[in-house]
Amino acid sequence: MADSKTAFNTCDFGDQFKSAPLQQDDFRVLPPVFKHYGGHNRFFGPVKTVQCFEDNTPVKQALESPGHGAVLVVDGGGSLRRALVGGNIAAAAAKNGWAGVVVDGVVRDVAELQAADVGLCALGLNPLPTERKAPGKSDLPVLIQGVPVSPNDWLYADADGIVISARALHLE
């Protein structure tokens, strides 16, 4: 759920799992390359995934569907050339109950993204939209900056970072 009142801190999770090997199956940390662009800087939920490259068709389809508090993780191949989420898609995500979106790629319409009632992290900004030419895939394991993420994992994001867990983590 995207809720700035929800008490959790990714650093607390880091302390809890500090003696576990980095990137183990149960607890993983995404590299510190993502920036917050959405209306929430703290969000969490079960993971749904899409994989696409410079064509946001599956992203749009997913976020225009009911999210039920999930986080969409977008494997955009790390491309910095075409924005996979813009203001209209972010507004649809908020309207449809998504907690957040993490894009291994870029986004656009920063003022509209910040106004959207949803968490959104991405590598950066680019004003170019996508081209509809290479449809992607949904609901499959993906690699985000070298870190495995699967549907039904749990994602937690705040100002300190983004962590992935194979199960829901205890929130205080």
N, C-alpha and C. Protein backbone atom coordinates (compact mmCIF):
# COMPACT_ATOMS: atom_id res chain seq x y z
N MET A 1 0.83 -1.17 0.00
CA MET A 1 0.00 0.00 0.00
C MET A 1 0.88 1.23 0.00
N ALA A 2 0.45 2.27 -0.71
CA ALA A 2 1.14 3.54 -0.66
C ALA A 2 0.55 4.31 0.51
N ASP A 3 1.31 4.50 1.55
CA ASP A 3 0.78 5.18 2.71
C ASP A 3 1.94 5.72 3.52
N SER A 4 2.09 7.02 3.51
CA SER A 4 3.20 7.62 4.22
C SER A 4 3.08 7.43 5.73
N LYS A 5 1.90 7.03 6.24
CA LYS A 5 1.72 6.80 7.67
C LYS A 5 2.12 5.39 8.08
N THR A 6 2.32 4.50 7.13
CA THR A 6 2.72 3.13 7.45
C THR A 6 4.14 3.15 7.98
N ALA A 7 4.32 2.56 9.16
CA ALA A 7 5.63 2.60 9.81
C ALA A 7 6.48 1.42 9.34
N PHE A 8 7.43 1.72 8.51
CA PHE A 8 8.49 0.77 8.19
C PHE A 8 9.68 1.58 7.72
N ASN A 9 10.83 1.00 7.84
CA ASN A 9 12.05 1.65 7.42
C ASN A 9 12.94 0.58 6.80
N THR A 10 13.36 0.82 5.57
CA THR A 10 14.19 -0.19 4.92
C THR A 10 15.50 -0.42 5.67
N CYS A 11 15.97 0.58 6.40
CA CYS A 11 17.19 0.39 7.21
C CYS A 11 16.94 -0.63 8.32
N ASP A 12 15.74 -0.62 8.90
CA ASP A 12 15.41 -1.62 9.92
C ASP A 12 15.43 -3.02 9.30
N PHE A 13 14.90 -3.14 8.08
CA PHE A 13 14.95 -4.44 7.39
C PHE A 13 16.41 -4.83 7.12
N GLY A 14 17.22 -3.85 6.74
CA GLY A 14 18.64 -4.11 6.51
C GLY A 14 19.32 -4.62 7.77
N ASP A 15 18.99 -4.01 8.92
CA ASP A 15 19.55 -4.48 10.19
C ASP A 15 19.09 -5.90 10.48
N GLN A 16 17.83 -6.18 10.22
CA GLN A 16 17.27 -7.51 10.49
C GLN A 16 17.96 -8.60 9.66
N PHE A 17 18.31 -8.25 8.42
CA PHE A 17 18.89 -9.25 7.50
C PHE A 17 20.38 -9.05 7.25
N LYS A 18 21.07 -8.26 8.08
CA LYS A 18 22.47 -7.90 7.81
C LYS A 18 23.41 -9.09 7.76
N SER A 19 23.12 -10.15 8.50
CA SER A 19 24.03 -11.29 8.47
C SER A 19 23.70 -12.29 7.38
N ALA A 20 22.62 -12.03 6.65
CA ALA A 20 22.28 -12.90 5.51
C ALA A 20 23.14 -12.50 4.32
N PRO A 21 23.50 -13.44 3.48
CA PRO A 21 24.28 -13.08 2.28
C PRO A 21 23.50 -12.09 1.41
N LEU A 22 24.20 -11.11 0.88
CA LEU A 22 23.53 -10.14 0.00
C LEU A 22 22.90 -10.86 -1.19
N GLN A 23 21.73 -10.41 -1.55
CA GLN A 23 20.99 -10.94 -2.70
C GLN A 23 20.56 -12.39 -2.51
N GLN A 24 20.41 -12.85 -1.26
CA GLN A 24 19.88 -14.19 -1.06
C GLN A 24 18.44 -14.22 -1.53
N ASP A 25 17.89 -15.39 -1.67
CA ASP A 25 16.53 -15.53 -2.19
C ASP A 25 15.48 -14.81 -1.36
N ASP A 26 15.61 -14.86 -0.04
CA ASP A 26 14.57 -14.29 0.81
C ASP A 26 14.62 -12.77 0.91
N PHE A 27 15.78 -12.16 0.81
CA PHE A 27 15.92 -10.71 1.01
C PHE A 27 16.95 -10.17 0.05
N ARG A 28 16.54 -9.19 -0.74
CA ARG A 28 17.41 -8.58 -1.74
C ARG A 28 17.30 -7.06 -1.67
N VAL A 29 18.35 -6.39 -2.06
CA VAL A 29 18.38 -4.92 -2.07
C VAL A 29 18.69 -4.45 -3.48
N LEU A 30 17.85 -3.56 -4.02
CA LEU A 30 18.15 -3.00 -5.33
C LEU A 30 19.29 -1.99 -5.20
N PRO A 31 20.15 -1.88 -6.20
CA PRO A 31 21.23 -0.89 -6.15
C PRO A 31 20.68 0.52 -6.00
N PRO A 32 21.46 1.42 -5.41
CA PRO A 32 20.99 2.79 -5.16
C PRO A 32 21.04 3.69 -6.39
N VAL A 33 20.36 3.27 -7.45
CA VAL A 33 20.34 4.04 -8.69
C VAL A 33 18.95 4.62 -8.99
N PHE A 34 17.97 4.30 -8.15
CA PHE A 34 16.60 4.73 -8.39
C PHE A 34 16.30 6.02 -7.64
N LYS A 35 15.52 6.89 -8.28
CA LYS A 35 15.08 8.15 -7.67
C LYS A 35 13.57 8.12 -7.54
N HIS A 36 13.07 8.82 -6.52
CA HIS A 36 11.62 8.91 -6.28
C HIS A 36 11.04 10.05 -7.12
N TYR A 37 9.95 9.75 -7.84
CA TYR A 37 9.28 10.77 -8.66
C TYR A 37 7.78 10.87 -8.36
N GLY A 38 7.21 9.91 -7.66
CA GLY A 38 5.77 9.91 -7.42
C GLY A 38 5.38 10.73 -6.21
N GLY A 39 4.08 10.71 -5.92
CA GLY A 39 3.54 11.46 -4.79
C GLY A 39 3.84 10.83 -3.45
N HIS A 40 4.29 9.59 -3.40
CA HIS A 40 4.66 8.91 -2.16
C HIS A 40 6.12 8.49 -2.24
N ASN A 41 6.88 8.79 -1.20
CA ASN A 41 8.27 8.35 -1.13
C ASN A 41 8.42 7.07 -0.32
N ARG A 42 7.32 6.60 0.24
CA ARG A 42 7.32 5.35 1.02
C ARG A 42 6.13 4.54 0.53
N PHE A 43 6.41 3.32 0.05
CA PHE A 43 5.34 2.46 -0.42
C PHE A 43 5.78 1.01 -0.36
N PHE A 44 4.80 0.12 -0.35
CA PHE A 44 5.12 -1.30 -0.32
C PHE A 44 3.93 -2.09 -0.84
N GLY A 45 4.19 -3.33 -1.20
CA GLY A 45 3.12 -4.21 -1.63
C GLY A 45 3.66 -5.43 -2.33
N PRO A 46 2.76 -6.36 -2.64
CA PRO A 46 3.16 -7.54 -3.41
C PRO A 46 3.52 -7.12 -4.83
N VAL A 47 4.46 -7.83 -5.42
CA VAL A 47 5.01 -7.47 -6.72
C VAL A 47 4.21 -8.11 -7.87
N LYS A 48 3.98 -7.30 -8.89
CA LYS A 48 3.55 -7.74 -10.22
C LYS A 48 4.65 -7.27 -11.16
N THR A 49 4.91 -8.00 -12.23
CA THR A 49 6.01 -7.62 -13.12
C THR A 49 5.58 -7.48 -14.57
N VAL A 50 6.29 -6.62 -15.28
CA VAL A 50 6.21 -6.56 -16.73
C VAL A 50 7.63 -6.40 -17.26
N GLN A 51 7.84 -6.88 -18.46
CA GLN A 51 9.12 -6.74 -19.14
C GLN A 51 8.84 -6.13 -20.51
N CYS A 52 9.52 -5.03 -20.80
CA CYS A 52 9.32 -4.36 -22.09
C CYS A 52 10.57 -3.54 -22.39
N PHE A 53 10.75 -3.19 -23.65
CA PHE A 53 11.90 -2.38 -24.03
C PHE A 53 11.43 -1.26 -24.93
N GLU A 54 11.43 -0.05 -24.38
CA GLU A 54 11.08 1.17 -25.11
C GLU A 54 9.68 1.14 -25.72
N ASP A 55 8.81 0.29 -25.20
CA ASP A 55 7.40 0.22 -25.59
C ASP A 55 6.63 -0.06 -24.30
N ASN A 56 5.83 0.92 -23.86
CA ASN A 56 5.18 0.78 -22.57
C ASN A 56 3.79 0.15 -22.63
N THR A 57 3.46 -0.54 -23.69
CA THR A 57 2.14 -1.17 -23.83
C THR A 57 1.78 -2.03 -22.61
N PRO A 58 2.65 -2.96 -22.17
CA PRO A 58 2.25 -3.78 -21.01
C PRO A 58 2.18 -2.98 -19.70
N VAL A 59 2.95 -1.91 -19.59
CA VAL A 59 2.90 -1.05 -18.41
C VAL A 59 1.54 -0.38 -18.34
N LYS A 60 1.14 0.20 -19.45
CA LYS A 60 -0.15 0.88 -19.54
C LYS A 60 -1.29 -0.09 -19.26
N GLN A 61 -1.25 -1.28 -19.85
CA GLN A 61 -2.29 -2.27 -19.62
C GLN A 61 -2.38 -2.65 -18.15
N ALA A 62 -1.25 -2.87 -17.52
CA ALA A 62 -1.24 -3.25 -16.11
C ALA A 62 -1.80 -2.14 -15.23
N LEU A 63 -1.30 -0.92 -15.40
CA LEU A 63 -1.67 0.17 -14.50
C LEU A 63 -3.07 0.72 -14.76
N GLU A 64 -3.66 0.36 -15.89
CA GLU A 64 -5.06 0.73 -16.13
C GLU A 64 -6.01 -0.35 -15.62
N SER A 65 -5.46 -1.38 -14.98
CA SER A 65 -6.24 -2.45 -14.36
C SER A 65 -6.16 -2.29 -12.84
N PRO A 66 -7.09 -2.91 -12.09
CA PRO A 66 -7.04 -2.81 -10.63
C PRO A 66 -5.72 -3.33 -10.07
N GLY A 67 -5.11 -2.54 -9.19
CA GLY A 67 -3.82 -2.90 -8.61
C GLY A 67 -3.91 -3.59 -7.27
N HIS A 68 -4.99 -3.36 -6.53
CA HIS A 68 -5.21 -4.00 -5.24
C HIS A 68 -4.01 -3.85 -4.30
N GLY A 69 -3.37 -2.66 -4.32
CA GLY A 69 -2.25 -2.40 -3.41
C GLY A 69 -0.92 -3.00 -3.82
N ALA A 70 -0.82 -3.49 -5.04
CA ALA A 70 0.44 -4.10 -5.51
C ALA A 70 1.42 -3.04 -6.01
N VAL A 71 2.65 -3.48 -6.22
CA VAL A 71 3.70 -2.65 -6.81
C VAL A 71 4.07 -3.27 -8.14
N LEU A 72 4.01 -2.47 -9.21
CA LEU A 72 4.42 -2.95 -10.52
C LEU A 72 5.91 -2.72 -10.69
N VAL A 73 6.64 -3.78 -10.95
CA VAL A 73 8.08 -3.69 -11.23
C VAL A 73 8.26 -3.85 -12.73
N VAL A 74 8.83 -2.83 -13.35
CA VAL A 74 8.96 -2.77 -14.80
C VAL A 74 10.42 -3.00 -15.20
N ASP A 75 10.67 -4.11 -15.88
CA ASP A 75 11.99 -4.39 -16.42
C ASP A 75 12.05 -3.73 -17.80
N GLY A 76 12.54 -2.50 -17.82
CA GLY A 76 12.69 -1.76 -19.06
C GLY A 76 14.08 -1.90 -19.66
N GLY A 77 14.83 -2.88 -19.17
CA GLY A 77 16.17 -3.11 -19.70
C GLY A 77 17.15 -2.00 -19.37
N GLY A 78 16.78 -1.12 -18.44
CA GLY A 78 17.66 -0.02 -18.07
C GLY A 78 17.79 1.05 -19.14
N SER A 79 16.90 1.03 -20.14
CA SER A 79 17.00 2.01 -21.23
C SER A 79 16.73 3.42 -20.72
N LEU A 80 17.55 4.34 -21.16
CA LEU A 80 17.40 5.75 -20.82
C LEU A 80 16.86 6.56 -21.99
N ARG A 81 16.42 5.88 -23.07
CA ARG A 81 16.04 6.56 -24.31
C ARG A 81 14.56 6.88 -24.45
N ARG A 82 13.65 6.12 -23.80
CA ARG A 82 12.21 6.31 -23.94
C ARG A 82 11.53 6.16 -22.59
N ALA A 83 10.68 7.11 -22.24
CA ALA A 83 9.99 7.08 -20.95
C ALA A 83 8.88 6.04 -20.96
N LEU A 84 8.89 5.17 -19.96
CA LEU A 84 7.91 4.09 -19.87
C LEU A 84 6.67 4.46 -19.06
N VAL A 85 6.77 5.52 -18.24
CA VAL A 85 5.63 6.01 -17.47
C VAL A 85 5.62 7.53 -17.55
N GLY A 86 4.43 8.08 -17.77
CA GLY A 86 4.23 9.52 -17.77
C GLY A 86 3.10 9.87 -16.83
N GLY A 87 2.70 11.12 -16.86
CA GLY A 87 1.68 11.62 -15.94
C GLY A 87 0.34 10.91 -16.04
N ASN A 88 -0.13 10.64 -17.25
CA ASN A 88 -1.43 9.98 -17.42
C ASN A 88 -1.41 8.56 -16.88
N ILE A 89 -0.33 7.83 -17.13
CA ILE A 89 -0.24 6.45 -16.65
C ILE A 89 -0.09 6.44 -15.12
N ALA A 90 0.66 7.38 -14.56
CA ALA A 90 0.79 7.46 -13.10
C ALA A 90 -0.56 7.78 -12.46
N ALA A 91 -1.32 8.67 -13.07
CA ALA A 91 -2.66 8.98 -12.55
C ALA A 91 -3.57 7.76 -12.61
N ALA A 92 -3.46 6.98 -13.68
CA ALA A 92 -4.24 5.74 -13.79
C ALA A 92 -3.83 4.75 -12.70
N ALA A 93 -2.54 4.66 -12.41
CA ALA A 93 -2.07 3.76 -11.36
C ALA A 93 -2.68 4.16 -10.01
N ALA A 94 -2.68 5.44 -9.71
CA ALA A 94 -3.27 5.91 -8.45
C ALA A 94 -4.77 5.63 -8.41
N LYS A 95 -5.45 5.92 -9.48
CA LYS A 95 -6.91 5.71 -9.55
C LYS A 95 -7.27 4.23 -9.39
N ASN A 96 -6.41 3.36 -9.89
CA ASN A 96 -6.70 1.93 -9.89
C ASN A 96 -6.12 1.17 -8.69
N GLY A 97 -5.62 1.91 -7.69
CA GLY A 97 -5.22 1.28 -6.45
C GLY A 97 -3.86 0.62 -6.42
N TRP A 98 -2.95 1.05 -7.27
CA TRP A 98 -1.57 0.54 -7.20
C TRP A 98 -0.84 1.28 -6.10
N ALA A 99 -0.02 0.57 -5.33
CA ALA A 99 0.78 1.21 -4.29
C ALA A 99 1.96 1.95 -4.89
N GLY A 100 2.54 1.38 -5.94
CA GLY A 100 3.71 2.00 -6.52
C GLY A 100 4.16 1.32 -7.79
N VAL A 101 5.17 1.95 -8.39
CA VAL A 101 5.77 1.46 -9.63
C VAL A 101 7.28 1.68 -9.52
N VAL A 102 8.04 0.65 -9.87
CA VAL A 102 9.50 0.78 -9.94
C VAL A 102 9.88 0.47 -11.37
N VAL A 103 10.53 1.44 -12.02
CA VAL A 103 10.87 1.33 -13.44
C VAL A 103 12.37 1.25 -13.62
N ASP A 104 12.84 0.14 -14.18
CA ASP A 104 14.25 0.03 -14.56
C ASP A 104 14.36 0.66 -15.94
N GLY A 105 14.26 1.96 -15.93
CA GLY A 105 14.21 2.79 -17.13
C GLY A 105 13.87 4.21 -16.70
N VAL A 106 13.36 4.99 -17.63
CA VAL A 106 13.07 6.39 -17.35
C VAL A 106 11.58 6.69 -17.45
N VAL A 107 11.22 7.86 -16.87
CA VAL A 107 9.84 8.34 -16.85
C VAL A 107 9.82 9.79 -17.32
N ARG A 108 8.61 10.35 -17.45
CA ARG A 108 8.50 11.75 -17.90
C ARG A 108 7.31 12.42 -17.23
N ASP A 109 7.15 13.72 -17.46
CA ASP A 109 6.08 14.52 -16.87
C ASP A 109 6.25 14.64 -15.36
N VAL A 110 7.41 15.08 -14.91
CA VAL A 110 7.76 15.04 -13.49
C VAL A 110 6.74 15.75 -12.60
N ALA A 111 6.20 16.88 -13.00
CA ALA A 111 5.22 17.58 -12.15
C ALA A 111 3.96 16.74 -11.97
N GLU A 112 3.52 16.08 -13.04
CA GLU A 112 2.34 15.22 -12.94
C GLU A 112 2.63 13.97 -12.13
N LEU A 113 3.83 13.44 -12.24
CA LEU A 113 4.21 12.26 -11.45
C LEU A 113 4.18 12.60 -9.97
N GLN A 114 4.73 13.75 -9.60
CA GLN A 114 4.77 14.16 -8.20
C GLN A 114 3.37 14.40 -7.64
N ALA A 115 2.42 14.77 -8.49
CA ALA A 115 1.05 15.01 -8.06
C ALA A 115 0.23 13.72 -7.94
N ALA A 116 0.72 12.64 -8.51
CA ALA A 116 -0.02 11.38 -8.49
C ALA A 116 0.07 10.73 -7.10
N ASP A 117 -1.02 10.20 -6.64
CA ASP A 117 -1.12 9.58 -5.32
C ASP A 117 -0.62 8.14 -5.37
N VAL A 118 0.66 8.00 -5.74
CA VAL A 118 1.26 6.67 -5.91
C VAL A 118 2.77 6.82 -5.75
N GLY A 119 3.44 5.77 -5.31
CA GLY A 119 4.90 5.78 -5.27
C GLY A 119 5.44 5.47 -6.65
N LEU A 120 6.55 6.10 -7.01
CA LEU A 120 7.14 5.84 -8.33
C LEU A 120 8.64 6.07 -8.26
N CYS A 121 9.40 5.04 -8.59
CA CYS A 121 10.85 5.15 -8.65
C CYS A 121 11.32 4.77 -10.05
N ALA A 122 12.34 5.46 -10.52
CA ALA A 122 12.89 5.20 -11.84
C ALA A 122 14.35 5.64 -11.86
N LEU A 123 15.03 5.30 -12.95
CA LEU A 123 16.44 5.67 -13.09
C LEU A 123 16.63 7.15 -13.38
N GLY A 124 15.65 7.78 -14.04
CA GLY A 124 15.78 9.19 -14.40
C GLY A 124 14.61 9.64 -15.23
N LEU A 125 14.81 10.79 -15.87
CA LEU A 125 13.77 11.43 -16.68
C LEU A 125 14.21 11.53 -18.14
N ASN A 126 13.24 11.44 -19.05
CA ASN A 126 13.47 11.66 -20.47
C ASN A 126 12.14 12.08 -21.07
N PRO A 127 12.09 13.17 -21.83
CA PRO A 127 10.82 13.65 -22.37
C PRO A 127 10.25 12.83 -23.53
N LEU A 128 11.03 11.89 -24.10
CA LEU A 128 10.53 11.13 -25.24
C LEU A 128 9.58 10.02 -24.82
N PRO A 129 8.42 9.91 -25.48
CA PRO A 129 7.51 8.79 -25.20
C PRO A 129 8.01 7.53 -25.91
N THR A 130 7.33 6.43 -25.63
CA THR A 130 7.71 5.17 -26.27
C THR A 130 7.09 5.07 -27.65
N GLU A 131 7.58 4.10 -28.39
CA GLU A 131 6.99 3.75 -29.68
C GLU A 131 6.34 2.39 -29.53
N ARG A 132 5.20 2.20 -30.12
CA ARG A 132 4.48 0.93 -30.02
C ARG A 132 4.96 -0.01 -31.12
N LYS A 133 5.99 -0.78 -30.78
CA LYS A 133 6.51 -1.68 -31.81
C LYS A 133 7.02 -3.00 -31.28
N ALA A 134 7.21 -3.12 -29.98
CA ALA A 134 7.76 -4.36 -29.43
C ALA A 134 7.03 -4.70 -28.13
N PRO A 135 5.85 -5.32 -28.24
CA PRO A 135 5.09 -5.61 -27.02
C PRO A 135 5.90 -6.46 -26.05
N GLY A 136 5.62 -6.28 -24.78
CA GLY A 136 6.38 -6.97 -23.76
C GLY A 136 5.64 -8.16 -23.19
N LYS A 137 6.10 -8.58 -22.00
CA LYS A 137 5.54 -9.74 -21.32
C LYS A 137 5.16 -9.34 -19.90
N SER A 138 4.23 -10.11 -19.31
CA SER A 138 3.78 -9.83 -17.96
C SER A 138 3.90 -11.06 -17.08
N ASP A 139 3.96 -10.81 -15.77
CA ASP A 139 3.93 -11.87 -14.75
C ASP A 139 5.02 -12.92 -14.94
N LEU A 140 6.27 -12.47 -15.03
CA LEU A 140 7.40 -13.38 -15.16
C LEU A 140 8.53 -12.89 -14.28
N PRO A 141 9.44 -13.76 -13.85
CA PRO A 141 10.62 -13.30 -13.11
C PRO A 141 11.46 -12.37 -13.99
N VAL A 142 11.99 -11.30 -13.39
CA VAL A 142 12.80 -10.33 -14.12
C VAL A 142 14.08 -10.05 -13.33
N LEU A 143 15.05 -9.46 -14.00
CA LEU A 143 16.26 -8.98 -13.35
C LEU A 143 16.24 -7.46 -13.40
N ILE A 144 16.28 -6.84 -12.22
CA ILE A 144 16.29 -5.39 -12.13
C ILE A 144 17.66 -4.97 -11.62
N GLN A 145 18.46 -4.38 -12.50
CA GLN A 145 19.83 -3.99 -12.16
C GLN A 145 20.58 -5.18 -11.56
N GLY A 146 20.36 -6.36 -12.14
CA GLY A 146 21.06 -7.56 -11.72
C GLY A 146 20.44 -8.29 -10.54
N VAL A 147 19.34 -7.78 -10.00
CA VAL A 147 18.70 -8.37 -8.83
C VAL A 147 17.42 -9.09 -9.29
N PRO A 148 17.27 -10.37 -8.94
CA PRO A 148 16.07 -11.10 -9.35
C PRO A 148 14.83 -10.62 -8.58
N VAL A 149 13.74 -10.42 -9.32
CA VAL A 149 12.46 -10.03 -8.74
C VAL A 149 11.40 -10.89 -9.40
N SER A 150 10.53 -11.49 -8.60
CA SER A 150 9.50 -12.39 -9.12
C SER A 150 8.11 -11.90 -8.72
N PRO A 151 7.11 -12.24 -9.53
CA PRO A 151 5.75 -11.95 -9.10
C PRO A 151 5.49 -12.58 -7.74
N ASN A 152 4.77 -11.88 -6.92
CA ASN A 152 4.41 -12.28 -5.55
C ASN A 152 5.51 -12.10 -4.53
N ASP A 153 6.71 -11.62 -4.93
CA ASP A 153 7.65 -11.10 -3.95
C ASP A 153 6.99 -9.88 -3.31
N TRP A 154 7.63 -9.34 -2.28
CA TRP A 154 7.16 -8.09 -1.66
C TRP A 154 8.23 -7.04 -1.85
N LEU A 155 7.82 -5.81 -2.18
CA LEU A 155 8.74 -4.70 -2.37
C LEU A 155 8.43 -3.63 -1.34
N TYR A 156 9.49 -3.07 -0.75
CA TYR A 156 9.37 -1.98 0.22
C TYR A 156 10.31 -0.87 -0.24
N ALA A 157 9.80 0.34 -0.38
CA ALA A 157 10.62 1.46 -0.84
C ALA A 157 10.43 2.65 0.10
N ASP A 158 11.53 3.30 0.43
CA ASP A 158 11.48 4.55 1.17
C ASP A 158 12.69 5.38 0.76
N ALA A 159 12.95 6.46 1.49
CA ALA A 159 14.05 7.36 1.11
C ALA A 159 15.42 6.70 1.18
N ASP A 160 15.54 5.61 1.94
CA ASP A 160 16.83 4.94 2.10
C ASP A 160 17.09 3.87 1.06
N GLY A 161 16.06 3.41 0.36
CA GLY A 161 16.30 2.40 -0.66
C GLY A 161 15.09 1.54 -0.95
N ILE A 162 15.34 0.50 -1.73
CA ILE A 162 14.29 -0.43 -2.15
C ILE A 162 14.76 -1.83 -1.83
N VAL A 163 13.92 -2.57 -1.08
CA VAL A 163 14.24 -3.95 -0.75
C VAL A 163 13.14 -4.86 -1.28
N ILE A 164 13.55 -6.08 -1.58
CA ILE A 164 12.65 -7.12 -2.09
C ILE A 164 12.74 -8.30 -1.13
N SER A 165 11.59 -8.88 -0.83
CA SER A 165 11.55 -10.04 0.05
C SER A 165 10.65 -11.10 -0.57
N ALA A 166 10.99 -12.35 -0.33
CA ALA A 166 10.16 -13.46 -0.83
C ALA A 166 8.85 -13.55 -0.07
N ARG A 167 8.76 -12.87 1.08
CA ARG A 167 7.54 -12.90 1.89
C ARG A 167 7.28 -11.51 2.45
N ALA A 168 6.07 -11.27 2.92
CA ALA A 168 5.75 -10.00 3.57
C ALA A 168 6.61 -9.86 4.84
N LEU A 169 7.16 -8.68 5.05
CA LEU A 169 7.97 -8.43 6.23
C LEU A 169 7.13 -7.76 7.30
N HIS A 170 7.49 -7.98 8.55
CA HIS A 170 6.76 -7.42 9.68
C HIS A 170 6.88 -5.90 9.67
N LEU A 171 5.76 -5.23 9.77
CA LEU A 171 5.73 -3.77 9.85
C LEU A 171 5.38 -3.38 11.28
N GLU A 172 6.04 -2.35 11.78
CA GLU A 172 5.76 -1.90 13.15
C GLU A 172 4.81 -0.75 13.16
